[in-house]
N, C-alpha and C. Protein backbone atom coordinates (compact mmCIF):
# COMPACT_ATOMS: atom_id res chain seq x y z
N MET A 1 106.15 105.82 -59.49
CA MET A 1 106.58 104.55 -58.84
C MET A 1 108.03 104.20 -58.39
N LYS A 2 107.82 104.30 -57.04
CA LYS A 2 109.12 104.53 -56.48
C LYS A 2 109.80 103.38 -56.81
N LYS A 3 111.06 102.92 -57.03
CA LYS A 3 112.02 101.90 -57.31
C LYS A 3 112.71 101.91 -55.70
N LEU A 4 113.49 100.76 -56.08
CA LEU A 4 114.95 100.19 -55.20
C LEU A 4 115.85 100.27 -56.29
N ILE A 5 116.97 100.97 -55.87
CA ILE A 5 118.06 100.91 -56.43
C ILE A 5 119.04 99.94 -55.87
N LEU A 6 120.09 99.18 -57.03
CA LEU A 6 121.23 98.21 -56.37
C LEU A 6 122.38 98.76 -56.86
N ILE A 7 123.51 99.18 -56.12
CA ILE A 7 124.76 99.29 -56.02
C ILE A 7 125.56 98.52 -56.12
N SER A 8 125.94 97.69 -56.74
CA SER A 8 127.37 96.77 -56.52
C SER A 8 128.20 97.03 -57.01
N GLY A 9 129.54 96.49 -56.60
CA GLY A 9 131.06 96.40 -57.29
C GLY A 9 131.69 95.77 -55.99
N PRO A 10 133.06 95.15 -56.69
CA PRO A 10 133.82 95.15 -55.98
C PRO A 10 134.27 95.70 -54.47
N SER A 11 134.67 95.30 -53.65
CA SER A 11 134.95 96.10 -52.13
C SER A 11 136.06 96.95 -52.24
N GLY A 12 135.62 98.05 -51.96
CA GLY A 12 137.03 98.85 -52.35
C GLY A 12 136.49 100.07 -53.81
N SER A 13 135.48 99.52 -54.12
CA SER A 13 135.04 100.41 -55.86
C SER A 13 134.48 101.47 -55.22
N GLY A 14 133.90 101.76 -54.60
CA GLY A 14 133.55 103.43 -54.16
C GLY A 14 131.62 103.06 -53.95
N LYS A 15 131.21 102.20 -53.60
CA LYS A 15 129.91 102.40 -53.58
C LYS A 15 129.47 103.18 -52.48
N SER A 16 129.95 103.30 -51.33
CA SER A 16 129.50 103.81 -50.65
C SER A 16 129.31 105.29 -50.84
N THR A 17 130.68 105.65 -50.99
CA THR A 17 131.08 107.22 -51.53
C THR A 17 129.96 107.86 -52.71
N ILE A 18 129.77 106.92 -53.68
CA ILE A 18 128.75 107.51 -54.40
C ILE A 18 127.59 107.44 -54.11
N ILE A 19 127.07 106.76 -53.23
CA ILE A 19 125.69 106.85 -52.50
C ILE A 19 125.55 108.24 -51.84
N ASP A 20 126.44 108.38 -50.85
CA ASP A 20 126.77 109.04 -49.61
C ASP A 20 126.55 110.66 -51.13
N LYS A 21 127.28 110.60 -51.97
CA LYS A 21 127.56 111.63 -52.62
C LYS A 21 126.27 112.11 -53.85
N ILE A 22 125.49 110.77 -53.94
CA ILE A 22 124.38 111.05 -54.71
C ILE A 22 123.01 111.35 -53.58
N LEU A 23 123.03 111.42 -52.49
CA LEU A 23 121.99 111.34 -51.40
C LEU A 23 122.24 113.00 -51.37
N LYS A 24 123.73 113.10 -51.20
CA LYS A 24 124.00 114.71 -51.14
C LYS A 24 123.66 115.76 -52.09
N ASP A 25 123.76 115.49 -53.34
CA ASP A 25 124.42 116.46 -54.51
C ASP A 25 122.78 116.08 -55.05
N TYR A 26 122.18 115.22 -55.22
CA TYR A 26 120.65 115.12 -55.84
C TYR A 26 119.60 115.05 -55.07
N PRO A 27 118.79 115.85 -54.10
CA PRO A 27 118.51 115.57 -53.48
C PRO A 27 116.90 115.55 -54.22
N GLU A 28 116.68 115.80 -55.59
CA GLU A 28 115.67 115.78 -56.74
C GLU A 28 115.29 114.49 -56.97
N CYS A 29 116.23 113.51 -56.36
CA CYS A 29 115.91 112.14 -57.17
C CYS A 29 115.24 111.07 -55.96
N LYS A 30 114.72 112.53 -54.82
CA LYS A 30 114.05 111.63 -53.75
C LYS A 30 114.36 110.15 -53.30
N LEU A 31 116.01 109.80 -53.07
CA LEU A 31 116.29 108.62 -52.34
C LEU A 31 116.44 108.55 -50.80
N SER A 32 116.26 107.41 -50.64
CA SER A 32 116.58 107.18 -48.94
C SER A 32 117.49 106.32 -48.96
N GLU A 33 118.88 106.02 -48.24
CA GLU A 33 119.35 104.78 -48.30
C GLU A 33 118.77 104.10 -47.06
N SER A 34 118.87 102.42 -47.76
CA SER A 34 118.30 101.56 -46.84
C SER A 34 119.75 101.27 -46.45
N ILE A 35 120.05 101.05 -45.03
CA ILE A 35 121.35 100.78 -44.47
C ILE A 35 121.15 99.14 -43.88
N SER A 36 122.00 98.29 -44.56
CA SER A 36 122.11 96.93 -44.45
C SER A 36 122.35 96.51 -43.11
N TYR A 37 122.38 95.29 -42.77
CA TYR A 37 122.93 94.68 -41.33
C TYR A 37 124.06 93.60 -41.89
N THR A 38 125.09 93.91 -40.56
CA THR A 38 126.30 93.15 -41.04
C THR A 38 126.61 92.54 -39.73
N THR A 39 127.31 91.74 -39.81
CA THR A 39 127.74 90.79 -38.26
C THR A 39 129.57 91.31 -38.40
N ARG A 40 129.55 92.40 -39.01
CA ARG A 40 131.29 92.29 -39.32
C ARG A 40 131.62 93.52 -37.76
N GLU A 41 132.42 93.87 -37.70
CA GLU A 41 133.16 94.60 -36.54
C GLU A 41 133.14 96.02 -37.45
N MET A 42 132.55 96.88 -36.66
CA MET A 42 133.02 98.77 -37.37
C MET A 42 134.37 99.05 -37.32
N ARG A 43 134.26 99.52 -38.93
CA ARG A 43 135.41 100.11 -39.33
C ARG A 43 135.95 101.48 -37.74
N PRO A 44 137.07 102.10 -38.11
CA PRO A 44 137.30 103.27 -37.52
C PRO A 44 136.51 104.36 -38.10
N GLY A 45 135.48 105.06 -38.21
CA GLY A 45 134.75 106.09 -38.34
C GLY A 45 133.41 105.76 -38.75
N GLU A 46 133.53 104.55 -38.80
CA GLU A 46 131.37 104.56 -38.72
C GLU A 46 131.02 104.65 -37.90
N VAL A 47 129.38 104.52 -37.93
CA VAL A 47 128.48 104.59 -37.12
C VAL A 47 127.80 103.82 -37.25
N ASN A 48 126.88 103.12 -36.09
CA ASN A 48 126.04 101.84 -36.00
C ASN A 48 124.46 102.76 -36.57
N GLY A 49 124.45 102.02 -37.43
CA GLY A 49 122.68 103.04 -37.89
C GLY A 49 122.76 103.71 -39.07
N GLN A 50 124.45 104.19 -39.81
CA GLN A 50 124.31 105.06 -40.38
C GLN A 50 125.26 104.34 -41.75
N HIS A 51 126.23 103.82 -41.24
CA HIS A 51 126.60 102.95 -42.19
C HIS A 51 126.40 101.35 -42.23
N TYR A 52 126.50 101.20 -41.04
CA TYR A 52 125.73 99.59 -41.21
C TYR A 52 124.38 99.66 -39.78
N HIS A 53 123.91 98.31 -39.71
CA HIS A 53 123.11 97.67 -38.53
C HIS A 53 124.22 97.15 -38.38
N PHE A 54 124.96 97.07 -37.29
CA PHE A 54 126.29 96.23 -36.83
C PHE A 54 125.35 95.38 -35.79
N VAL A 55 125.18 94.17 -36.30
CA VAL A 55 124.45 93.39 -35.00
C VAL A 55 125.18 91.53 -34.60
N SER A 56 124.80 91.08 -33.58
CA SER A 56 125.56 90.10 -33.33
C SER A 56 125.16 88.49 -33.94
N ASP A 57 125.85 88.05 -34.37
CA ASP A 57 125.72 86.36 -34.99
C ASP A 57 124.33 85.96 -34.48
N GLU A 58 123.98 85.90 -33.34
CA GLU A 58 122.79 85.67 -32.79
C GLU A 58 121.69 86.21 -33.90
N LYS A 59 122.17 87.77 -33.64
CA LYS A 59 120.71 88.69 -33.85
C LYS A 59 120.20 88.50 -35.49
N PHE A 60 121.42 88.32 -36.23
CA PHE A 60 121.48 88.30 -37.19
C PHE A 60 120.15 86.77 -37.94
N ASP A 61 120.88 85.36 -37.01
CA ASP A 61 120.41 84.36 -37.26
C ASP A 61 118.89 84.68 -37.17
N ASP A 62 118.54 85.20 -36.09
CA ASP A 62 117.01 85.32 -35.75
C ASP A 62 116.39 85.83 -36.69
N MET A 63 116.91 87.41 -36.95
CA MET A 63 116.41 87.67 -38.37
C MET A 63 116.18 87.08 -39.55
N VAL A 64 117.10 86.10 -39.68
CA VAL A 64 117.34 84.99 -41.32
C VAL A 64 116.16 84.31 -41.06
N CYS A 65 115.80 83.64 -39.24
CA CYS A 65 114.79 82.85 -39.01
C CYS A 65 113.39 83.22 -39.34
N ASN A 66 113.06 84.57 -38.90
CA ASN A 66 112.08 85.00 -39.56
C ASN A 66 111.69 85.95 -40.46
N ASP A 67 112.44 85.51 -41.27
CA ASP A 67 112.76 85.94 -42.73
C ASP A 67 112.16 87.28 -43.08
N GLU A 68 113.53 88.04 -42.22
CA GLU A 68 113.09 89.36 -42.00
C GLU A 68 113.69 90.29 -43.48
N PHE A 69 115.04 89.22 -44.15
CA PHE A 69 115.63 90.05 -44.92
C PHE A 69 115.28 89.77 -46.43
N ALA A 70 115.15 90.62 -47.31
CA ALA A 70 115.03 90.19 -48.91
C ALA A 70 115.62 89.53 -49.71
N GLU A 71 117.15 89.72 -48.63
CA GLU A 71 118.33 89.11 -49.51
C GLU A 71 119.42 89.15 -47.83
N TRP A 72 120.13 87.83 -48.22
CA TRP A 72 121.20 87.75 -47.13
C TRP A 72 122.33 86.68 -47.76
N ALA A 73 123.76 87.24 -47.53
CA ALA A 73 124.78 85.96 -47.86
C ALA A 73 125.69 86.62 -46.73
N ASN A 74 126.61 85.19 -46.85
CA ASN A 74 128.20 85.43 -46.18
C ASN A 74 128.88 85.91 -47.02
N VAL A 75 129.65 86.69 -46.99
CA VAL A 75 130.46 87.49 -47.72
C VAL A 75 132.37 87.76 -46.25
N TYR A 76 133.47 87.33 -47.15
CA TYR A 76 134.43 87.71 -46.32
C TYR A 76 134.43 86.86 -44.84
N GLY A 77 133.45 85.77 -44.80
CA GLY A 77 133.23 85.49 -43.50
C GLY A 77 132.47 86.20 -42.24
N LYS A 78 131.62 87.22 -42.94
CA LYS A 78 130.79 87.93 -42.30
C LYS A 78 129.48 87.69 -42.71
N SER A 79 127.98 87.84 -42.26
CA SER A 79 126.77 87.77 -42.79
C SER A 79 126.25 89.42 -42.88
N TYR A 80 125.91 89.52 -43.89
CA TYR A 80 125.16 90.86 -44.82
C TYR A 80 123.67 90.70 -45.47
N GLY A 81 123.03 91.27 -44.68
CA GLY A 81 121.80 91.51 -45.27
C GLY A 81 121.30 92.57 -45.53
N THR A 82 119.75 92.54 -46.30
CA THR A 82 118.74 93.63 -46.62
C THR A 82 117.66 93.70 -46.30
N ALA A 83 117.26 94.54 -45.14
CA ALA A 83 115.71 94.27 -44.46
C ALA A 83 114.66 94.38 -45.14
N ILE A 84 113.82 93.85 -45.46
CA ILE A 84 112.17 93.87 -46.20
C ILE A 84 111.97 95.04 -45.98
N LYS A 85 111.85 95.52 -44.43
CA LYS A 85 111.06 96.43 -43.65
C LYS A 85 111.58 97.76 -43.54
N ASP A 86 112.78 97.66 -44.44
CA ASP A 86 113.29 99.05 -44.09
C ASP A 86 113.45 99.43 -45.69
N ILE A 87 113.55 98.55 -46.66
CA ILE A 87 113.01 98.77 -47.84
C ILE A 87 111.33 99.47 -48.30
N GLU A 88 110.35 98.62 -47.57
CA GLU A 88 109.00 99.16 -47.94
C GLU A 88 109.06 100.73 -47.30
N SER A 89 109.18 100.65 -45.95
CA SER A 89 109.32 101.85 -45.59
C SER A 89 109.59 102.85 -45.78
N ILE A 90 110.72 103.00 -46.73
CA ILE A 90 111.20 104.20 -47.77
C ILE A 90 110.59 104.08 -48.75
N LEU A 91 109.89 103.18 -49.37
CA LEU A 91 109.37 102.74 -50.48
C LEU A 91 108.01 103.64 -50.18
N VAL A 92 107.39 102.93 -48.88
CA VAL A 92 105.58 103.78 -48.91
C VAL A 92 105.96 105.03 -48.33
N GLY A 93 107.18 105.63 -47.72
CA GLY A 93 107.09 106.87 -47.54
C GLY A 93 107.85 108.49 -48.42
N GLY A 94 107.60 107.61 -49.61
CA GLY A 94 107.06 108.12 -50.78
C GLY A 94 108.72 108.33 -51.35
N ASN A 95 109.88 107.89 -51.01
CA ASN A 95 111.15 107.90 -51.51
C ASN A 95 111.67 106.66 -52.47
N ASN A 96 112.35 106.71 -52.91
CA ASN A 96 113.31 105.59 -54.29
C ASN A 96 114.08 105.01 -52.86
N ALA A 97 115.10 103.37 -52.91
CA ALA A 97 115.46 103.24 -51.64
C ALA A 97 116.58 102.95 -52.52
N ILE A 98 118.00 103.18 -52.22
CA ILE A 98 119.17 102.68 -52.92
C ILE A 98 119.62 102.23 -51.41
N THR A 99 120.69 101.01 -52.02
CA THR A 99 121.64 100.33 -50.94
C THR A 99 122.77 99.72 -51.80
N ALA A 100 123.76 99.64 -51.00
CA ALA A 100 125.40 99.08 -51.72
C ALA A 100 124.86 97.49 -51.26
N ILE A 101 125.09 96.65 -52.40
CA ILE A 101 124.82 94.98 -51.93
C ILE A 101 126.07 94.54 -53.23
N ASP A 102 126.21 92.98 -52.58
CA ASP A 102 127.17 92.61 -53.20
C ASP A 102 126.49 91.87 -54.63
N TRP A 103 126.73 91.22 -55.57
CA TRP A 103 126.44 90.54 -56.43
C TRP A 103 125.40 89.68 -56.65
N GLN A 104 125.76 88.81 -55.46
CA GLN A 104 124.60 87.69 -55.14
C GLN A 104 123.64 88.36 -54.16
N GLY A 105 123.73 89.28 -53.28
CA GLY A 105 122.33 89.92 -52.85
C GLY A 105 121.52 90.28 -54.20
N ALA A 106 122.01 91.26 -54.86
CA ALA A 106 121.44 91.77 -56.10
C ALA A 106 120.86 90.53 -57.06
N ARG A 107 121.55 89.52 -57.49
CA ARG A 107 120.55 88.31 -57.80
C ARG A 107 119.48 88.03 -57.45
N SER A 108 119.51 88.15 -55.53
CA SER A 108 118.38 87.43 -55.14
C SER A 108 117.59 88.93 -54.75
N ILE A 109 117.47 89.57 -55.13
CA ILE A 109 116.52 90.43 -54.75
C ILE A 109 115.56 91.18 -56.04
N ARG A 110 116.48 90.83 -57.24
CA ARG A 110 115.76 90.73 -58.70
C ARG A 110 115.07 89.90 -58.71
N LYS A 111 115.02 88.77 -58.14
CA LYS A 111 113.90 87.40 -58.08
C LYS A 111 112.72 87.83 -57.21
N ARG A 112 112.65 88.69 -56.10
CA ARG A 112 111.80 89.15 -55.62
C ARG A 112 111.08 90.53 -55.59
N LEU A 113 111.94 91.51 -56.49
CA LEU A 113 111.21 92.89 -56.40
C LEU A 113 111.93 93.60 -58.02
N PRO A 114 111.12 94.27 -58.31
CA PRO A 114 111.44 95.40 -59.51
C PRO A 114 113.00 96.22 -58.64
N VAL A 115 113.82 96.28 -59.63
CA VAL A 115 114.66 97.21 -59.44
C VAL A 115 115.37 97.91 -60.63
N LYS A 116 116.43 98.51 -60.18
CA LYS A 116 117.62 99.03 -61.05
C LYS A 116 118.55 99.11 -60.55
N THR A 117 119.77 98.68 -61.96
CA THR A 117 120.99 98.13 -61.25
C THR A 117 121.68 98.64 -61.63
N VAL A 118 122.93 98.74 -60.71
CA VAL A 118 123.96 99.54 -61.45
C VAL A 118 125.50 98.74 -60.92
N PHE A 119 126.64 98.50 -61.39
CA PHE A 119 127.82 98.03 -60.92
C PHE A 119 129.11 99.07 -61.02
N VAL A 120 129.73 99.30 -60.09
CA VAL A 120 130.40 99.82 -59.90
C VAL A 120 132.13 99.21 -60.33
N CYS A 121 132.66 99.40 -61.51
CA CYS A 121 134.13 99.06 -61.39
C CYS A 121 135.44 100.23 -61.11
N PRO A 122 136.29 99.57 -60.59
CA PRO A 122 137.42 99.90 -60.00
C PRO A 122 138.31 100.16 -61.60
N PRO A 123 138.99 101.83 -61.36
CA PRO A 123 139.77 102.12 -62.82
C PRO A 123 140.79 100.92 -62.88
N SER A 124 141.39 100.38 -61.98
CA SER A 124 142.75 99.21 -61.84
C SER A 124 142.87 98.38 -60.66
N MET A 125 143.16 97.44 -60.58
CA MET A 125 143.22 96.29 -59.65
C MET A 125 144.13 97.22 -58.66
N ASP A 126 145.23 97.90 -59.16
CA ASP A 126 146.09 98.73 -58.56
C ASP A 126 145.78 99.83 -57.26
N ILE A 127 144.64 100.20 -58.00
CA ILE A 127 143.85 101.17 -57.56
C ILE A 127 142.98 101.06 -56.70
N LEU A 128 142.79 99.65 -56.85
CA LEU A 128 141.76 98.98 -56.07
C LEU A 128 142.37 98.76 -54.77
N ARG A 129 143.31 98.26 -54.62
CA ARG A 129 144.67 97.83 -53.58
C ARG A 129 144.76 98.99 -52.84
N ASP A 130 145.16 100.36 -53.51
CA ASP A 130 145.44 101.28 -52.85
C ASP A 130 143.99 102.13 -51.83
N ARG A 131 142.86 101.99 -52.51
CA ARG A 131 141.96 102.29 -51.83
C ARG A 131 141.68 101.45 -50.66
N LEU A 132 141.68 100.20 -50.61
CA LEU A 132 141.39 99.35 -49.33
C LEU A 132 142.24 99.77 -48.48
N ILE A 133 143.52 99.62 -48.95
CA ILE A 133 144.44 99.86 -47.96
C ILE A 133 144.16 101.29 -47.19
N SER A 134 144.17 102.43 -48.11
CA SER A 134 143.57 103.80 -47.47
C SER A 134 142.51 103.95 -46.46
N ARG A 135 141.19 102.79 -46.82
CA ARG A 135 140.46 102.73 -45.80
C ARG A 135 140.59 102.07 -44.60
N ASN A 136 141.24 100.87 -44.47
CA ASN A 136 141.63 100.37 -43.52
C ASN A 136 143.25 99.76 -43.28
N PRO A 137 143.91 100.17 -43.23
CA PRO A 137 145.33 99.63 -43.06
C PRO A 137 145.82 98.36 -42.69
N LEU A 138 145.05 97.84 -41.22
CA LEU A 138 145.11 97.51 -40.49
C LEU A 138 144.41 95.63 -41.45
N ASP A 139 143.33 96.28 -42.40
CA ASP A 139 142.60 94.95 -42.64
C ASP A 139 143.11 93.57 -42.81
N THR A 140 142.85 92.72 -42.45
CA THR A 140 143.52 91.23 -42.48
C THR A 140 142.86 90.77 -43.83
N THR A 141 141.48 91.27 -44.41
CA THR A 141 141.31 90.80 -45.92
C THR A 141 141.30 91.29 -46.92
N ILE A 142 142.28 92.42 -46.88
CA ILE A 142 142.71 93.03 -48.31
C ILE A 142 142.84 91.85 -49.54
N ASP A 143 143.67 90.83 -48.88
CA ASP A 143 144.18 90.19 -50.22
C ASP A 143 142.96 89.56 -50.67
N HIS A 144 142.63 88.47 -49.86
CA HIS A 144 140.96 88.04 -49.63
C HIS A 144 140.17 88.78 -50.44
N ARG A 145 140.25 90.09 -50.30
CA ARG A 145 138.84 90.88 -50.85
C ARG A 145 139.41 90.80 -52.68
N LEU A 146 140.89 91.18 -52.93
CA LEU A 146 141.50 91.29 -53.78
C LEU A 146 140.93 90.66 -54.74
N ALA A 147 141.27 88.89 -54.01
CA ALA A 147 140.90 87.71 -54.44
C ALA A 147 139.78 87.63 -55.41
N PHE A 148 139.02 88.03 -54.84
CA PHE A 148 137.17 87.85 -55.16
C PHE A 148 136.82 89.34 -56.12
N ALA A 149 137.74 90.07 -55.94
CA ALA A 149 136.94 91.32 -57.03
C ALA A 149 137.23 90.78 -59.02
N ASP A 150 137.83 90.37 -59.48
CA ASP A 150 137.79 89.70 -60.29
C ASP A 150 136.38 88.86 -60.55
N SER A 151 136.18 88.32 -59.68
CA SER A 151 135.00 87.24 -59.44
C SER A 151 133.77 88.05 -59.29
N ASP A 152 133.85 89.11 -58.70
CA ASP A 152 133.23 90.32 -58.65
C ASP A 152 132.72 90.84 -59.73
N MET A 153 133.62 90.96 -60.69
CA MET A 153 133.92 91.99 -62.19
C MET A 153 133.20 91.06 -63.29
N SER A 154 133.14 89.70 -62.76
CA SER A 154 133.10 88.75 -63.90
C SER A 154 131.19 88.86 -64.03
N HIS A 155 130.43 89.58 -62.83
CA HIS A 155 128.97 89.30 -63.03
C HIS A 155 128.40 91.02 -63.23
N LYS A 156 129.24 91.99 -63.74
CA LYS A 156 129.22 92.88 -64.17
C LYS A 156 127.56 93.25 -65.48
N ASP A 157 127.63 92.42 -66.44
CA ASP A 157 127.09 91.92 -67.48
C ASP A 157 125.52 91.88 -66.62
N GLU A 158 125.25 91.61 -65.67
CA GLU A 158 123.57 91.20 -65.18
C GLU A 158 123.10 93.05 -64.61
N TYR A 159 123.74 93.87 -64.68
CA TYR A 159 123.72 95.14 -64.55
C TYR A 159 123.18 95.85 -65.36
N ASP A 160 121.89 96.92 -65.32
CA ASP A 160 121.16 97.70 -66.08
C ASP A 160 122.18 99.01 -66.47
N LEU A 161 123.33 99.27 -65.32
CA LEU A 161 124.76 100.41 -65.77
C LEU A 161 125.57 99.79 -64.98
N ILE A 162 127.12 99.77 -66.11
CA ILE A 162 127.97 99.47 -65.53
C ILE A 162 128.61 101.04 -66.01
N VAL A 163 129.49 101.49 -64.56
CA VAL A 163 130.57 102.40 -64.65
C VAL A 163 132.06 102.49 -64.02
N VAL A 164 132.89 103.30 -64.81
CA VAL A 164 133.98 102.75 -64.22
C VAL A 164 133.76 104.16 -63.03
N ASN A 165 134.58 103.83 -61.78
CA ASN A 165 134.24 104.87 -61.15
C ASN A 165 136.44 105.49 -61.15
N ASP A 166 136.31 106.26 -62.16
CA ASP A 166 137.99 106.93 -62.15
C ASP A 166 137.70 108.31 -62.28
N ASN A 167 136.28 109.17 -61.71
CA ASN A 167 136.19 110.33 -61.78
C ASN A 167 134.71 110.41 -60.84
N LEU A 168 134.98 110.86 -59.40
CA LEU A 168 133.71 110.76 -58.55
C LEU A 168 132.66 111.25 -59.25
N ASP A 169 132.79 112.56 -59.50
CA ASP A 169 131.29 113.78 -59.67
C ASP A 169 131.12 113.44 -60.88
N ARG A 170 131.93 113.12 -62.46
CA ARG A 170 131.19 112.30 -63.91
C ARG A 170 130.54 110.89 -63.21
N VAL A 171 130.98 110.05 -62.51
CA VAL A 171 130.06 108.85 -61.89
C VAL A 171 129.07 109.01 -61.31
N VAL A 172 129.33 109.84 -60.47
CA VAL A 172 128.04 110.28 -59.47
C VAL A 172 126.65 110.93 -60.38
N ALA A 173 127.32 111.74 -61.47
CA ALA A 173 126.48 112.37 -62.47
C ALA A 173 125.57 111.14 -63.44
N GLU A 174 126.50 110.60 -63.67
CA GLU A 174 125.95 109.74 -64.45
C GLU A 174 124.79 108.72 -63.81
N ILE A 175 125.29 108.45 -63.13
CA ILE A 175 124.44 107.34 -62.02
C ILE A 175 122.95 108.45 -61.62
N ALA A 176 122.81 108.71 -61.06
CA ALA A 176 122.47 110.12 -60.64
C ALA A 176 121.37 110.25 -62.00
N GLU A 177 121.76 110.46 -62.96
CA GLU A 177 120.78 110.50 -64.14
C GLU A 177 120.11 109.13 -64.54
N PHE A 178 120.90 108.18 -64.89
CA PHE A 178 120.33 106.44 -64.69
C PHE A 178 119.18 106.47 -64.27
N ILE A 179 119.37 106.53 -62.35
CA ILE A 179 118.55 106.38 -61.46
C ILE A 179 116.98 107.25 -61.18
N CYS A 180 117.35 108.40 -61.83
CA CYS A 180 116.38 109.69 -61.61
C CYS A 180 115.82 110.20 -62.65
N ASN A 181 115.94 109.54 -63.75
CA ASN A 181 115.07 109.97 -65.02
C ASN A 181 114.89 109.05 -65.72
N ASP A 182 113.94 108.35 -65.34
CA ASP A 182 113.00 107.75 -66.58
C ASP A 182 111.93 107.68 -67.01
């Protein structure tokens, strides 16, 4: 049976990097990424439809009103959501679906769909800060994201697997084994 895999963790913990590497290095897992929708601005290097579906507030609100999301939330003042049709399309197509999502979204989806969940912890708050700064040194929400990291981490026990992202190859292998071998 095909699965929906949810990867959560504080902003900057490495969720997107881990998903990209699992997709590239573990084709035998038959994974496809469900791309989330967001109202935030694109960061340098991001591509619409590849990293997120970047939409206007109005478009997002229309999708909410039409009940198109399996979950959605406002995070750091911007809206994020996971479209039901995207997940269904992946699963019906024969692949497992994987997506990065915050703990609130994961909690919401768990109420609606069977899932496997992974929580990614940073090795330390100093390393998390360095990652956030290197990702976008002009990001004005870095202090805000760090302030919420402890809150995010307090939900890790709700997850099936908890990993510390201190060695990318090891973490990717551990997650791939967890989600692809049951």
